[in-house]
Amino acid sequence: MAEFTLELNDDQKQVRDWLNGFAKDVIRPAAAEWDEREETPWPVIQEAAKVGIYSLDFYAQQFFDPTGLGIPMALEELFWGDAGIALSIVGTGLAAVGVLANGTEEQIGTWIPQMYGDVDDVKVAAFCSSEPDAGSDVGAMRTRAVYDEAKDEWVLNGTKTWATNGGIAGVHVVVAVVDPELGSKGHASFIVPPQTPGLSQGQKFKKHGIRASHTAEVVLEDVRVPGHCLLGGKEKLDERLARAHEKAKAGGERLKNAAMATFEASRPAVGAMAVGTARAAYEVALDYASTRSQFGRPIIDNQGIAFQLADMRTQIDAARLLVWRASWMAATGKPFTSAEGSMSKLYASEAAKKVTAQAVQILGGNGFTREYPVERMHRDAAIYTIFEGTSEIQRLVIARTLSGMPIR
């Protein structure tokens, strides 16, 4: 088991510096253009593929870092470059993780390479879970998957929303209800291969921030997929559903807590994204305050500005520490007895909104224009308190964990 340390090793530092260089030289110069275009930055994704960042191998190496710091470190650097472009680069990973977590070895080997494509023909994938009436309340999901035993096919119907790469992806991973009686435990995940009839893109959302990342509805109308597209296979699903029914009889609350624990492990990643955006805005504000003069001196010499920067840096460092702690705990198998995963996501996402807002304020009128990047960073930061569980949901999870009681 890796011991906890705040000092990155030489390999980690090398990867961090490499990612920082890519973010500085490739992502940042393209950020404003793709934010304005509100389109997927295919050329940047291709550049990421050429150097090995846009690949399953890279993220697998970071995921299996025994300290747990590989993923948060990588995400912080990429999102320091630009949140919208970074999400376009890492978005496919959501679908890939869904297959890795639930698929067979054959499914992993078949579908994940298709998600990424190759350097000459880059592809993206989409993970489709949220629905118009089922965001935080996953138990309200309505998309259904019905098994057609005669043809060994699953028939999917429903509408997914807020899907990163939804509709433009080659491979879609879709979460659907197979047993409504079990709530969230009655869900299963399915691969929808490229060009499958019945799957279409619905509304593409024009967003406040992260505009270089494609977000859309995915409509499923009698979508038929072969039986082998059920992640994990039918036999494993039947066994899992049977166990869930037995546990539900024994006490349904334990089912909810088990599902909650799964979400806990993924939330520090969003916290790391928020840290990257906050750090970027802080650095712009610090540089501006050090060089901008008013009344014959740099504005950083004013206590009001200096104290803001002190608070910004403190919040960023505190957020990173919470993210690293939760990531280390997840990697070393330590239980989140106080919802440490949600704590990290809650604090980091709230800090990103505050820090980017303070950066705009420090730049004054310039901060309010698109000539300076803090305006975009402030818009981007708004998403962190919303996706992967809103701040309100994080507080609810933490409160329930601490009290041991359902809080409504």
Foldseek 3Di string as FASTA:
>chain_A
DDDDDPDDDPVLVVVLVVLLVLLVPPLQVCALVLLVVLAAPVVSLLVCQVVPNQAPVQVVVQPLPLQLCSLLSNLLSNLLSPLLNSCSSCQQVVVLVVLVVFADPVCNVPPRCLQQPHSVDGFHEKEFQADPVPAVQSLPFDWAWEADVVQQKIWTFDKTFFIFCAAVGQKYKYKHAHDNVLRPLRIFIFIQGGPFPQKHWDDWDCALASSNITTTMIGGDRGIDHQNRTGNGDVVSVVSVVVSVVVVVVPSVVVVVVVVQVLLLPQLSLLSSLLSLLVSLLVLLVVQQQPDDDPHHRNCVDPVSVVLSVVSVVLSVVLVVLSSVSSSCSSVVNGPLQSSSLVSLLSSLVSSLSSLVSSLVSVPPVSCDPVDCSVNSNSHSVCSCPHSHHSVRSVQVNVCSVVVDHDD
